[in-house]
N, C-alpha and C. Protein backbone atom coordinates (compact mmCIF):
# COMPACT_ATOMS: atom_id res chain seq x y z
N MET A 1 0.85 -1.20 0.00
CA MET A 1 0.00 0.00 0.00
C MET A 1 0.88 1.25 0.00
N ASN A 2 0.53 2.20 -0.85
CA ASN A 2 1.30 3.43 -0.94
C ASN A 2 0.78 4.43 0.09
N ASN A 3 1.62 4.72 1.08
CA ASN A 3 1.19 5.62 2.16
C ASN A 3 1.13 7.08 1.73
N LYS A 4 1.62 7.38 0.52
CA LYS A 4 1.60 8.77 0.06
C LYS A 4 0.18 9.30 -0.08
N ARG A 5 -0.77 8.39 -0.28
CA ARG A 5 -2.15 8.84 -0.46
C ARG A 5 -2.69 9.49 0.81
N TYR A 6 -2.06 9.17 1.95
CA TYR A 6 -2.53 9.73 3.22
C TYR A 6 -1.80 11.03 3.58
N LEU A 7 -0.86 11.43 2.73
CA LEU A 7 -0.05 12.61 3.03
C LEU A 7 -0.88 13.88 3.23
N PRO A 8 -1.88 14.17 2.36
CA PRO A 8 -2.69 15.38 2.59
C PRO A 8 -3.38 15.40 3.94
N ILE A 9 -3.88 14.23 4.36
CA ILE A 9 -4.57 14.16 5.65
C ILE A 9 -3.59 14.38 6.80
N ILE A 10 -2.39 13.76 6.68
CA ILE A 10 -1.37 13.93 7.72
C ILE A 10 -0.95 15.39 7.82
N LEU A 11 -0.75 16.02 6.65
CA LEU A 11 -0.36 17.43 6.64
C LEU A 11 -1.45 18.30 7.27
N LEU A 12 -2.70 17.99 6.97
CA LEU A 12 -3.81 18.75 7.53
C LEU A 12 -3.84 18.62 9.05
N ILE A 13 -3.58 17.41 9.55
CA ILE A 13 -3.55 17.20 11.00
C ILE A 13 -2.42 17.99 11.64
N LEU A 14 -1.24 17.98 11.01
CA LEU A 14 -0.09 18.71 11.56
C LEU A 14 -0.35 20.21 11.55
N ILE A 15 -0.89 20.71 10.44
CA ILE A 15 -1.19 22.14 10.35
C ILE A 15 -2.23 22.53 11.40
N SER A 16 -3.22 21.67 11.60
CA SER A 16 -4.26 21.95 12.60
C SER A 16 -3.67 22.00 14.00
N ALA A 17 -2.72 21.08 14.28
CA ALA A 17 -2.09 21.06 15.60
C ALA A 17 -1.29 22.33 15.85
N LEU A 18 -0.54 22.77 14.83
CA LEU A 18 0.22 24.00 14.96
C LEU A 18 -0.70 25.20 15.12
N PHE A 19 -1.76 25.22 14.33
CA PHE A 19 -2.73 26.31 14.39
C PHE A 19 -3.36 26.39 15.78
N TYR A 20 -3.59 25.23 16.39
CA TYR A 20 -4.21 25.17 17.71
C TYR A 20 -3.28 25.73 18.78
N ALA A 21 -1.98 25.50 18.64
CA ALA A 21 -1.03 25.81 19.71
C ALA A 21 -0.37 27.18 19.58
N ILE A 22 -0.13 27.64 18.36
CA ILE A 22 0.66 28.85 18.16
C ILE A 22 -0.22 30.09 18.28
N PRO A 23 0.21 31.09 19.07
CA PRO A 23 -0.57 32.33 19.16
C PRO A 23 -0.44 33.15 17.88
N LEU A 24 -1.51 33.82 17.53
CA LEU A 24 -1.54 34.66 16.34
C LEU A 24 -1.83 36.09 16.75
N ASN A 25 -1.21 37.05 16.07
CA ASN A 25 -1.50 38.46 16.28
C ASN A 25 -2.42 38.94 15.16
N ILE A 26 -3.62 39.37 15.55
CA ILE A 26 -4.65 39.75 14.59
C ILE A 26 -4.91 41.25 14.68
N ILE A 27 -5.06 41.90 13.53
CA ILE A 27 -5.33 43.34 13.51
C ILE A 27 -6.71 43.63 14.08
N ASP A 28 -6.77 44.62 14.94
CA ASP A 28 -8.03 45.08 15.53
C ASP A 28 -8.36 46.46 14.94
N VAL A 29 -7.87 47.51 15.55
CA VAL A 29 -8.07 48.86 15.01
C VAL A 29 -7.10 49.07 13.85
N ASN A 30 -7.59 49.69 12.77
CA ASN A 30 -6.72 49.92 11.61
C ASN A 30 -7.06 51.27 10.98
N GLN A 31 -6.38 52.31 11.44
CA GLN A 31 -6.54 53.65 10.87
C GLN A 31 -5.41 53.82 9.86
N ASN A 32 -5.71 53.61 8.58
CA ASN A 32 -4.65 53.54 7.56
C ASN A 32 -4.67 54.71 6.58
N VAL A 33 -5.27 55.82 6.99
CA VAL A 33 -5.33 57.01 6.12
C VAL A 33 -4.34 58.05 6.62
N ASN A 34 -3.61 58.66 5.70
CA ASN A 34 -2.71 59.75 6.08
C ASN A 34 -2.59 60.74 4.93
N ASP A 35 -2.29 61.99 5.25
CA ASP A 35 -2.09 62.97 4.19
C ASP A 35 -0.89 63.89 4.42
N LYS A 36 -0.25 63.78 5.60
CA LYS A 36 0.93 64.62 5.85
C LYS A 36 1.69 64.09 7.07
N PRO A 37 2.98 64.40 7.17
CA PRO A 37 3.70 64.10 8.42
C PRO A 37 3.30 65.12 9.49
N ILE A 38 3.27 64.67 10.73
CA ILE A 38 2.79 65.55 11.80
C ILE A 38 3.85 66.53 12.27
N GLY A 39 5.09 66.34 11.84
CA GLY A 39 6.18 67.22 12.27
C GLY A 39 7.24 66.43 13.03
N GLU A 40 8.42 67.00 13.14
CA GLU A 40 9.52 66.31 13.80
C GLU A 40 9.20 66.02 15.28
N ILE A 41 9.51 64.79 15.68
CA ILE A 41 9.36 64.41 17.09
C ILE A 41 10.72 64.67 17.74
N LYS A 42 10.82 65.79 18.43
CA LYS A 42 12.12 66.25 18.92
C LYS A 42 12.00 66.75 20.35
N ASN A 43 13.10 67.23 20.88
CA ASN A 43 13.15 67.76 22.23
C ASN A 43 12.05 68.80 22.43
N GLY A 44 11.21 68.59 23.45
CA GLY A 44 10.15 69.54 23.75
C GLY A 44 8.83 69.25 23.08
N SER A 45 8.74 68.14 22.33
CA SER A 45 7.47 67.82 21.66
C SER A 45 7.20 66.32 21.75
N ASN A 46 5.94 65.97 21.62
CA ASN A 46 5.56 64.56 21.53
C ASN A 46 4.27 64.46 20.73
N VAL A 47 4.03 63.29 20.15
CA VAL A 47 2.81 63.06 19.37
C VAL A 47 2.17 61.77 19.86
N GLY A 48 0.84 61.73 19.83
CA GLY A 48 0.16 60.56 20.36
C GLY A 48 -1.20 60.33 19.74
N GLN A 49 -1.89 59.32 20.25
CA GLN A 49 -3.19 58.93 19.72
C GLN A 49 -3.96 58.17 20.80
N SER A 50 -5.24 58.45 20.90
CA SER A 50 -6.11 57.66 21.77
C SER A 50 -6.89 56.67 20.92
N PHE A 51 -7.31 55.57 21.54
CA PHE A 51 -8.08 54.55 20.81
C PHE A 51 -8.80 53.66 21.80
N THR A 52 -9.73 52.88 21.28
CA THR A 52 -10.46 51.90 22.07
C THR A 52 -10.13 50.51 21.55
N SER A 53 -9.75 49.63 22.45
CA SER A 53 -9.47 48.24 22.07
C SER A 53 -10.79 47.48 21.95
N ASN A 54 -10.97 46.81 20.84
CA ASN A 54 -12.19 46.03 20.63
C ASN A 54 -12.05 44.58 21.07
N GLU A 55 -10.84 44.20 21.46
CA GLU A 55 -10.58 42.81 21.81
C GLU A 55 -9.71 42.73 23.06
N ASP A 56 -9.78 41.59 23.75
CA ASP A 56 -8.86 41.33 24.85
C ASP A 56 -7.47 41.00 24.31
N LYS A 57 -6.49 41.05 25.19
CA LYS A 57 -5.10 40.69 24.88
C LYS A 57 -4.47 41.61 23.83
N LEU A 58 -4.69 42.90 23.99
CA LEU A 58 -3.96 43.88 23.19
C LEU A 58 -2.47 43.62 23.36
N CYS A 59 -1.72 43.48 22.24
CA CYS A 59 -0.32 43.06 22.37
C CYS A 59 0.64 43.82 21.45
N GLU A 60 0.12 44.70 20.61
CA GLU A 60 1.01 45.37 19.66
C GLU A 60 0.34 46.62 19.11
N ILE A 61 1.12 47.67 18.97
CA ILE A 61 0.65 48.89 18.31
C ILE A 61 1.68 49.26 17.24
N ASP A 62 1.24 49.31 16.01
CA ASP A 62 2.11 49.68 14.89
C ASP A 62 1.83 51.13 14.52
N VAL A 63 2.87 51.94 14.48
CA VAL A 63 2.73 53.35 14.15
C VAL A 63 3.48 53.63 12.85
N SER A 64 2.82 54.31 11.93
CA SER A 64 3.46 54.63 10.65
C SER A 64 4.40 55.82 10.84
N LEU A 65 5.69 55.56 10.62
CA LEU A 65 6.72 56.56 10.87
C LEU A 65 7.47 56.91 9.59
N ALA A 66 8.17 58.02 9.62
CA ALA A 66 8.98 58.44 8.47
C ALA A 66 10.27 59.08 8.99
N THR A 67 11.30 59.01 8.17
CA THR A 67 12.63 59.47 8.58
C THR A 67 13.08 60.74 7.86
N TYR A 68 12.24 61.29 6.99
CA TYR A 68 12.63 62.40 6.11
C TYR A 68 13.77 61.96 5.18
N ALA A 69 13.79 60.67 4.85
CA ALA A 69 14.79 60.10 3.93
C ALA A 69 16.22 60.35 4.40
N ARG A 70 16.42 60.22 5.72
CA ARG A 70 17.76 60.40 6.27
C ARG A 70 17.94 59.43 7.43
N THR A 71 19.17 59.32 7.90
CA THR A 71 19.44 58.48 9.07
C THR A 71 19.40 59.34 10.32
N ASN A 72 18.49 59.02 11.22
CA ASN A 72 18.38 59.72 12.50
C ASN A 72 18.93 58.80 13.60
N THR A 73 19.45 59.38 14.65
CA THR A 73 20.27 58.57 15.55
C THR A 73 19.86 58.58 17.02
N GLU A 74 18.84 59.34 17.39
CA GLU A 74 18.53 59.46 18.81
C GLU A 74 17.48 58.45 19.28
N GLU A 75 17.31 58.37 20.58
CA GLU A 75 16.38 57.42 21.18
C GLU A 75 14.94 57.90 21.05
N ILE A 76 14.06 56.97 20.71
CA ILE A 76 12.62 57.22 20.65
C ILE A 76 11.97 56.42 21.78
N ILE A 77 11.05 57.05 22.50
CA ILE A 77 10.39 56.37 23.62
C ILE A 77 8.89 56.29 23.34
N PHE A 78 8.38 55.07 23.39
CA PHE A 78 6.95 54.79 23.21
C PHE A 78 6.32 54.58 24.58
N HIS A 79 5.21 55.27 24.83
CA HIS A 79 4.48 55.13 26.09
C HIS A 79 3.05 54.70 25.79
N LEU A 80 2.54 53.77 26.57
CA LEU A 80 1.13 53.39 26.50
C LEU A 80 0.52 53.56 27.88
N LYS A 81 -0.60 54.30 27.92
CA LYS A 81 -1.28 54.57 29.19
C LYS A 81 -2.78 54.33 29.04
N ASN A 82 -3.47 54.32 30.17
CA ASN A 82 -4.91 54.44 30.10
C ASN A 82 -5.23 55.81 29.50
N GLN A 83 -6.41 55.96 28.90
CA GLN A 83 -6.68 57.17 28.14
C GLN A 83 -6.57 58.44 28.97
N SER A 84 -6.82 58.35 30.26
CA SER A 84 -6.72 59.54 31.11
C SER A 84 -5.31 60.13 31.07
N GLY A 85 -4.32 59.29 30.74
CA GLY A 85 -2.94 59.76 30.68
C GLY A 85 -2.28 59.87 32.03
N SER A 86 -3.04 59.60 33.09
CA SER A 86 -2.48 59.71 34.43
C SER A 86 -1.89 58.37 34.87
N GLY A 87 -1.10 58.40 35.92
CA GLY A 87 -0.52 57.18 36.44
C GLY A 87 0.70 56.74 35.66
N THR A 88 1.23 55.59 36.04
CA THR A 88 2.43 55.07 35.39
C THR A 88 2.08 54.46 34.04
N ASP A 89 3.10 54.29 33.21
CA ASP A 89 2.90 53.67 31.90
C ASP A 89 2.48 52.22 32.06
N LEU A 90 1.57 51.80 31.20
CA LEU A 90 1.28 50.37 31.09
C LEU A 90 2.41 49.69 30.33
N VAL A 91 2.96 50.40 29.35
CA VAL A 91 4.06 49.89 28.54
C VAL A 91 5.01 51.05 28.24
N THR A 92 6.31 50.78 28.33
CA THR A 92 7.33 51.74 27.89
C THR A 92 8.33 50.98 27.03
N ILE A 93 8.56 51.46 25.82
CA ILE A 93 9.49 50.80 24.91
C ILE A 93 10.44 51.85 24.35
N LYS A 94 11.74 51.55 24.39
CA LYS A 94 12.74 52.47 23.86
C LYS A 94 13.41 51.84 22.63
N ILE A 95 13.52 52.64 21.57
CA ILE A 95 14.18 52.18 20.35
C ILE A 95 15.12 53.28 19.88
N ASN A 96 15.99 52.94 18.94
CA ASN A 96 16.84 53.96 18.34
C ASN A 96 16.27 54.35 16.99
N ALA A 97 16.29 55.63 16.69
CA ALA A 97 15.70 56.13 15.45
C ALA A 97 16.35 55.52 14.21
N LYS A 98 17.59 55.07 14.32
CA LYS A 98 18.26 54.51 13.14
C LYS A 98 17.61 53.19 12.71
N ASN A 99 16.80 52.59 13.60
CA ASN A 99 16.12 51.34 13.26
C ASN A 99 14.74 51.55 12.63
N VAL A 100 14.36 52.80 12.48
CA VAL A 100 13.06 53.13 11.87
C VAL A 100 13.23 53.20 10.36
N LYS A 101 12.37 52.49 9.63
CA LYS A 101 12.39 52.54 8.17
C LYS A 101 11.46 53.65 7.68
N ASP A 102 11.88 54.32 6.63
CA ASP A 102 11.12 55.44 6.11
C ASP A 102 9.76 54.99 5.58
N ASN A 103 8.72 55.72 5.96
CA ASN A 103 7.36 55.47 5.46
C ASN A 103 6.90 54.03 5.70
N SER A 104 7.16 53.54 6.90
CA SER A 104 6.79 52.17 7.25
C SER A 104 6.22 52.12 8.66
N TYR A 105 5.45 51.06 8.92
CA TYR A 105 4.98 50.83 10.28
C TYR A 105 6.14 50.34 11.14
N TYR A 106 6.22 50.87 12.35
CA TYR A 106 7.14 50.30 13.33
C TYR A 106 6.30 49.57 14.37
N PRO A 107 6.57 48.27 14.61
CA PRO A 107 5.76 47.51 15.55
C PRO A 107 6.26 47.64 16.99
N PHE A 108 5.44 48.18 17.85
CA PHE A 108 5.75 48.22 19.28
C PHE A 108 5.01 47.06 19.94
N LYS A 109 5.77 46.00 20.27
CA LYS A 109 5.18 44.77 20.77
C LYS A 109 5.38 44.66 22.28
N PHE A 110 4.40 44.10 22.96
CA PHE A 110 4.47 43.99 24.41
C PHE A 110 3.63 42.81 24.88
N LYS A 111 3.78 42.47 26.14
CA LYS A 111 3.03 41.36 26.72
C LYS A 111 1.53 41.64 26.61
N PRO A 112 0.74 40.66 26.15
CA PRO A 112 -0.70 40.89 25.98
C PRO A 112 -1.35 41.43 27.26
N ILE A 113 -2.21 42.42 27.07
CA ILE A 113 -2.94 43.02 28.18
C ILE A 113 -4.28 42.31 28.32
N GLU A 114 -4.46 41.60 29.41
CA GLU A 114 -5.71 40.88 29.63
C GLU A 114 -6.86 41.88 29.84
N ASN A 115 -8.04 41.47 29.44
CA ASN A 115 -9.25 42.27 29.67
C ASN A 115 -9.15 43.68 29.08
N SER A 116 -8.51 43.79 27.92
CA SER A 116 -8.37 45.10 27.28
C SER A 116 -9.61 45.48 26.46
N LYS A 117 -10.48 44.52 26.22
CA LYS A 117 -11.65 44.78 25.37
C LYS A 117 -12.53 45.88 25.96
N GLY A 118 -12.86 46.86 25.11
CA GLY A 118 -13.74 47.94 25.51
C GLY A 118 -13.06 49.05 26.29
N LYS A 119 -11.77 48.93 26.55
CA LYS A 119 -11.07 49.95 27.33
C LYS A 119 -10.40 50.98 26.42
N HIS A 120 -10.22 52.17 26.98
CA HIS A 120 -9.68 53.29 26.22
C HIS A 120 -8.20 53.50 26.59
N TYR A 121 -7.38 53.67 25.57
CA TYR A 121 -5.94 53.81 25.79
C TYR A 121 -5.40 55.04 25.05
N TYR A 122 -4.20 55.39 25.45
CA TYR A 122 -3.52 56.54 24.85
C TYR A 122 -2.04 56.21 24.75
N PHE A 123 -1.48 56.33 23.54
CA PHE A 123 -0.03 56.13 23.39
C PHE A 123 0.58 57.41 22.83
N TYR A 124 1.85 57.60 23.14
CA TYR A 124 2.55 58.74 22.56
C TYR A 124 4.03 58.43 22.38
N LEU A 125 4.66 59.17 21.50
CA LEU A 125 6.08 59.03 21.19
C LEU A 125 6.79 60.33 21.55
N GLU A 126 7.96 60.19 22.14
CA GLU A 126 8.78 61.34 22.44
C GLU A 126 10.24 61.00 22.16
N SER A 127 11.05 62.03 22.01
CA SER A 127 12.48 61.83 21.77
C SER A 127 13.23 63.03 22.35
N PRO A 128 13.50 63.01 23.65
CA PRO A 128 14.07 64.17 24.33
C PRO A 128 15.41 64.66 23.77
N ASP A 129 16.17 63.78 23.13
CA ASP A 129 17.50 64.17 22.64
C ASP A 129 17.51 64.51 21.15
N SER A 130 16.39 64.34 20.47
CA SER A 130 16.36 64.65 19.04
C SER A 130 16.26 66.16 18.82
N VAL A 131 16.85 66.61 17.73
CA VAL A 131 16.86 68.03 17.38
C VAL A 131 16.45 68.17 15.92
N PRO A 132 16.07 69.37 15.49
CA PRO A 132 15.73 69.55 14.07
C PRO A 132 16.84 69.05 13.16
N GLY A 133 16.46 68.26 12.18
CA GLY A 133 17.45 67.68 11.27
C GLY A 133 17.93 66.31 11.70
N ASN A 134 17.60 65.92 12.94
CA ASN A 134 17.95 64.59 13.44
C ASN A 134 16.77 64.09 14.28
N ALA A 135 15.65 63.88 13.59
CA ALA A 135 14.41 63.48 14.27
C ALA A 135 13.49 62.80 13.26
N ILE A 136 12.71 61.86 13.74
CA ILE A 136 11.73 61.20 12.89
C ILE A 136 10.39 61.93 12.98
N THR A 137 9.40 61.43 12.24
CA THR A 137 8.05 61.96 12.32
C THR A 137 7.06 60.81 12.22
N ALA A 138 5.79 61.11 12.39
CA ALA A 138 4.72 60.11 12.26
C ALA A 138 3.73 60.59 11.20
N TRP A 139 3.21 59.65 10.43
CA TRP A 139 2.20 59.99 9.43
C TRP A 139 0.86 60.25 10.11
N TYR A 140 0.10 61.16 9.50
CA TYR A 140 -1.06 61.75 10.17
C TYR A 140 -2.12 62.11 9.15
N SER A 141 -3.38 61.97 9.53
CA SER A 141 -4.50 62.43 8.71
C SER A 141 -5.13 63.65 9.37
N GLN A 142 -5.26 64.74 8.62
CA GLN A 142 -5.86 65.95 9.17
C GLN A 142 -7.36 65.78 9.40
N ASN A 143 -7.96 64.84 8.69
CA ASN A 143 -9.39 64.57 8.84
C ASN A 143 -9.60 63.49 9.90
N ASP A 144 -10.71 63.58 10.60
CA ASP A 144 -11.00 62.63 11.67
C ASP A 144 -11.54 61.34 11.07
N LYS A 145 -10.63 60.41 10.77
CA LYS A 145 -11.02 59.15 10.13
C LYS A 145 -11.36 58.06 11.15
N TYR A 146 -10.91 58.24 12.37
CA TYR A 146 -11.15 57.22 13.41
C TYR A 146 -11.98 57.86 14.52
N GLU A 147 -13.23 57.42 14.64
CA GLU A 147 -14.19 58.07 15.52
C GLU A 147 -13.98 57.77 17.00
N GLU A 148 -13.27 56.69 17.32
CA GLU A 148 -13.14 56.29 18.72
C GLU A 148 -11.84 56.78 19.36
N GLY A 149 -11.21 57.76 18.73
CA GLY A 149 -9.99 58.32 19.28
C GLY A 149 -9.58 59.54 18.49
N THR A 150 -8.48 60.15 18.89
CA THR A 150 -8.00 61.34 18.19
C THR A 150 -6.50 61.46 18.36
N ALA A 151 -5.89 62.27 17.51
CA ALA A 151 -4.45 62.53 17.62
C ALA A 151 -4.19 63.54 18.73
N TYR A 152 -2.96 63.50 19.23
CA TYR A 152 -2.51 64.44 20.26
C TYR A 152 -1.18 65.04 19.84
N LEU A 153 -0.99 66.29 20.18
CA LEU A 153 0.30 66.96 20.01
C LEU A 153 0.64 67.62 21.34
N ASN A 154 1.76 67.20 21.92
CA ASN A 154 2.16 67.70 23.24
C ASN A 154 1.06 67.49 24.28
N HIS A 155 0.45 66.31 24.21
CA HIS A 155 -0.60 65.87 25.15
C HIS A 155 -1.89 66.68 25.03
N GLU A 156 -2.04 67.42 23.95
CA GLU A 156 -3.27 68.17 23.71
C GLU A 156 -3.97 67.59 22.49
N LYS A 157 -5.29 67.44 22.57
CA LYS A 157 -6.05 66.90 21.44
C LYS A 157 -5.96 67.83 20.24
N ILE A 158 -5.83 67.23 19.06
CA ILE A 158 -5.88 67.99 17.82
C ILE A 158 -6.82 67.26 16.86
N ASP A 159 -7.27 67.95 15.83
CA ASP A 159 -8.11 67.31 14.83
C ASP A 159 -7.31 66.26 14.07
N GLY A 160 -7.98 65.17 13.70
CA GLY A 160 -7.34 64.15 12.89
C GLY A 160 -6.83 62.98 13.71
N ASP A 161 -6.10 62.10 13.03
CA ASP A 161 -5.61 60.87 13.65
C ASP A 161 -4.24 60.50 13.09
N LEU A 162 -3.43 59.86 13.92
CA LEU A 162 -2.22 59.24 13.42
C LEU A 162 -2.58 58.04 12.56
N LYS A 163 -1.67 57.64 11.70
CA LYS A 163 -1.83 56.40 10.96
C LYS A 163 -1.26 55.28 11.84
N PHE A 164 -2.13 54.38 12.28
CA PHE A 164 -1.69 53.34 13.22
C PHE A 164 -2.63 52.15 13.14
N ARG A 165 -2.21 51.07 13.75
CA ARG A 165 -3.07 49.90 13.88
C ARG A 165 -2.73 49.19 15.19
N THR A 166 -3.72 48.53 15.76
CA THR A 166 -3.49 47.74 16.97
C THR A 166 -3.74 46.28 16.67
N LEU A 167 -3.06 45.42 17.42
CA LEU A 167 -3.22 43.97 17.23
C LEU A 167 -3.47 43.31 18.58
N TYR A 168 -4.16 42.19 18.54
CA TYR A 168 -4.41 41.42 19.75
C TYR A 168 -3.98 39.98 19.52
N GLU A 169 -3.69 39.29 20.61
CA GLU A 169 -3.23 37.90 20.52
C GLU A 169 -4.40 36.94 20.70
N ILE A 170 -4.41 35.92 19.87
CA ILE A 170 -5.43 34.87 19.99
C ILE A 170 -4.79 33.54 19.62
N HIS A 171 -5.18 32.48 20.31
CA HIS A 171 -4.69 31.14 20.00
C HIS A 171 -5.70 30.42 19.11
N GLY A 172 -5.19 29.44 18.39
CA GLY A 172 -6.06 28.65 17.53
C GLY A 172 -7.21 28.03 18.30
N SER A 173 -6.95 27.65 19.56
CA SER A 173 -8.00 27.04 20.38
C SER A 173 -9.16 28.01 20.59
N GLU A 174 -8.83 29.30 20.73
CA GLU A 174 -9.88 30.30 20.91
C GLU A 174 -10.66 30.51 19.62
N ILE A 175 -9.95 30.44 18.49
CA ILE A 175 -10.63 30.57 17.20
C ILE A 175 -11.60 29.41 17.01
N LEU A 176 -11.15 28.20 17.39
CA LEU A 176 -12.03 27.04 17.28
C LEU A 176 -13.23 27.16 18.21
N LYS A 177 -12.99 27.73 19.40
CA LYS A 177 -14.09 27.94 20.34
C LYS A 177 -15.11 28.90 19.74
N ASN A 178 -14.60 29.99 19.14
CA ASN A 178 -15.50 30.96 18.50
C ASN A 178 -16.25 30.32 17.34
N PHE A 179 -15.54 29.44 16.62
CA PHE A 179 -16.16 28.74 15.50
C PHE A 179 -17.29 27.84 16.00
N HIS A 180 -17.04 27.16 17.13
CA HIS A 180 -18.07 26.29 17.71
C HIS A 180 -19.29 27.11 18.12
N GLU A 181 -19.05 28.28 18.71
CA GLU A 181 -20.16 29.14 19.10
C GLU A 181 -20.93 29.61 17.87
N ARG A 182 -20.18 29.87 16.79
CA ARG A 182 -20.83 30.30 15.55
C ARG A 182 -21.73 29.19 15.00
N ILE A 183 -21.26 27.95 15.12
CA ILE A 183 -22.05 26.81 14.65
C ILE A 183 -23.38 26.74 15.40
N LEU A 184 -23.29 26.90 16.73
CA LEU A 184 -24.50 26.80 17.55
C LEU A 184 -25.47 27.94 17.25
N GLN A 185 -24.93 29.09 16.87
CA GLN A 185 -25.77 30.25 16.60
C GLN A 185 -26.31 30.26 15.17
N ASP A 186 -25.60 29.57 14.27
CA ASP A 186 -25.95 29.65 12.85
C ASP A 186 -25.83 28.27 12.21
N ILE A 187 -26.82 27.44 12.38
CA ILE A 187 -26.80 26.08 11.85
C ILE A 187 -26.64 26.05 10.33
N PRO A 188 -27.33 26.93 9.57
CA PRO A 188 -27.14 26.91 8.10
C PRO A 188 -25.68 27.13 7.70
N PHE A 189 -24.96 27.99 8.43
CA PHE A 189 -23.54 28.20 8.15
C PHE A 189 -22.78 26.88 8.33
N PHE A 190 -23.07 26.17 9.40
CA PHE A 190 -22.41 24.90 9.68
C PHE A 190 -22.73 23.88 8.59
N VAL A 191 -23.98 23.81 8.17
CA VAL A 191 -24.41 22.85 7.15
C VAL A 191 -23.66 23.10 5.84
N PHE A 192 -23.36 24.36 5.54
CA PHE A 192 -22.62 24.68 4.32
C PHE A 192 -21.12 24.43 4.50
N TYR A 193 -20.58 24.82 5.66
CA TYR A 193 -19.13 24.82 5.85
C TYR A 193 -18.56 23.41 5.99
N LEU A 194 -19.21 22.56 6.76
CA LEU A 194 -18.68 21.22 6.99
C LEU A 194 -18.56 20.40 5.71
N PRO A 195 -19.60 20.36 4.85
CA PRO A 195 -19.43 19.63 3.58
C PRO A 195 -18.30 20.19 2.73
N SER A 196 -18.08 21.50 2.81
CA SER A 196 -17.00 22.11 2.03
C SER A 196 -15.65 21.56 2.46
N ILE A 197 -15.48 21.34 3.77
CA ILE A 197 -14.22 20.77 4.27
C ILE A 197 -14.03 19.35 3.74
N PHE A 198 -15.09 18.54 3.79
CA PHE A 198 -14.98 17.16 3.31
C PHE A 198 -14.72 17.12 1.80
N ILE A 199 -15.33 18.02 1.06
CA ILE A 199 -15.09 18.08 -0.38
C ILE A 199 -13.63 18.41 -0.67
N LEU A 200 -13.09 19.37 0.09
CA LEU A 200 -11.69 19.75 -0.08
C LEU A 200 -10.76 18.57 0.22
N LEU A 201 -11.03 17.87 1.32
CA LEU A 201 -10.21 16.71 1.66
C LEU A 201 -10.31 15.62 0.59
N PHE A 202 -11.51 15.43 0.06
CA PHE A 202 -11.70 14.42 -0.98
C PHE A 202 -10.92 14.77 -2.24
N LEU A 203 -10.95 16.05 -2.63
CA LEU A 203 -10.23 16.49 -3.82
C LEU A 203 -8.72 16.34 -3.63
N LEU A 204 -8.24 16.65 -2.43
CA LEU A 204 -6.81 16.46 -2.15
C LEU A 204 -6.43 14.99 -2.24
N TYR A 205 -7.30 14.15 -1.71
CA TYR A 205 -7.05 12.70 -1.76
C TYR A 205 -7.03 12.20 -3.20
N ARG A 206 -8.01 12.63 -4.00
CA ARG A 206 -8.08 12.19 -5.40
C ARG A 206 -6.86 12.66 -6.18
N THR A 207 -6.45 13.90 -5.94
CA THR A 207 -5.29 14.44 -6.65
C THR A 207 -4.04 13.64 -6.33
N GLN A 208 -3.85 13.34 -5.04
CA GLN A 208 -2.68 12.57 -4.63
C GLN A 208 -2.72 11.16 -5.20
N ARG A 209 -3.90 10.58 -5.25
CA ARG A 209 -4.05 9.21 -5.76
C ARG A 209 -3.73 9.14 -7.25
N HIS A 210 -4.18 10.13 -8.01
CA HIS A 210 -3.92 10.14 -9.44
C HIS A 210 -2.44 10.34 -9.74
N GLU A 211 -1.78 11.13 -8.87
CA GLU A 211 -0.35 11.35 -9.08
C GLU A 211 0.45 10.08 -8.86
N ASN A 212 -0.10 9.19 -8.02
CA ASN A 212 0.60 7.93 -7.75
C ASN A 212 0.22 6.84 -8.75
C-alpha cells in the first residue's frame, strides 16, 4: 500500500495542531489614512493617539513613521497609558531612530494586556534628545477618520488621527471555540461549511491518488 495517499490528511492534521497551539496576532483597530507628516518628534514635543481596544489581549501597536529620507540617531520612547494619561505607563518601549524605516509601520510589541476589550488607551512618542534635522516623524491624517480616538500633540487633542493599527493575541483554540459558538448560533452556516471541508479533503485525496 502506498502511504503517500494519506499525506494530505497527515499534513492537515499537523497544520491543525500548529494552528491550535501557536498564538496569532490579529489586527483590531486599523486607521490607515494619512495625508501629511505631523512634524519632527524632537526635544520639547511629543505626538500621540487615543483609541479603544475592541478585543482582549492587546499586544502590539504599529505606528506609521517616516525618517525624512535620512538616518536619525537618537532614542525614541513609546508610552502606553490608560486614556486619562495619568498614572504610570502600562508599557514603555525604547528604540533607536536609526532602526526606523522610512514610510513604514514600526511595531511596538508587548506582553498581551488581559481584559483590554472595551477599554480606552492613549499612546505617545517622544524623543528628548532629538533636534531639528535629526528626528523622525509620524504619518497623520488631518481629517478625523477614526471616531473612537483622536491625535494628540504635546498631550493636547488635535483634529485628525495618526496612521496606526493595533493587534491582539489569539490562540487557535480560541478561534475554534468561537467557530463552535458560531455553529450553535448559525446552523445553516455549519451545514454549508462542513461539507465544504470534506469536499476539499476528498479532492486532495483524489489528486494525490492520481499522481501515484
